[in-house]
Amino acid sequence: MAVAERMGDYLRARDAAAVVAYAEDLELDMAHATLDMPTSCAVYKAQLAAYLLLRDLDAARFLWKRLPPASKAADAELAAVWAVGKCMWTGDRAGAIRACGGAGAAWSELLAPPMEQLRAALRAHVVALVGASYSAIAIADASAMLDLPHDGVLALAAEHGWAVVTAQPGQPAGSGGGTLQPKPLAKADGARQDLGIGQLAQLTHLIAQLD
């Protein structure tokens, strides 16, 4: 099986660990010297995306630093993936969600599955932080944190059973403005998801970005 095809199969199967193991073996074997530039770049892109999915930000950063300049110049998607990584590195989850793009983002066929998976995971993490720490939050602020339109925030609130308070009595919930009343998400075993110190620091960073 061709190298790029194997990478694509791993990514479609959501097996980021397999991507990393295969890509690191190729690096150790100096195999990039035998690959054409498009294939080599495809491996690097998949490897970088897999590190982000695994939250191995140190490995992602070091990979970006050691990438050959010719590879960075040959494939703009490498920089686009690392733009997400930079946001994650600095704790800017809202920026990372935006950098992943929406469902219509112009990622290649290789990267579309992992970048959508990463975007969903980042958004789910922010939802958990908001649910565990806020008793009330403006819909506009939630929209900015989650990179969702107003209607998308309302749909998410309905999904998690969060109350919506309209901006003015009698104003329709979807007409703009308003406040959410989040509550902690339930774990699979039914226990509340409480906010740890590390998550509190992440949330503080998110709030600071909205000021």
Foldseek 3Di string as FASTA:
>chain_A
DDQLVVLLVCLVVVNLVVLQVVLVVCVVVVVLVVDPLVSSLSSLLSNLLSCVVVVVLVVNVVSVVPDDPVSCVVDVVNVLSVQLSVCVVVLNLLSNLVSLPDLPDPDDSSCSRSSVVSSVVSLVLVLQLCQQPFQKDKLVLNCSSNVHPSVVSVVVCVVQVWDWAAPDPPDDRSPDITMTGHHFHADPVRDGDHDDPVSVVSVVVSVVVVD
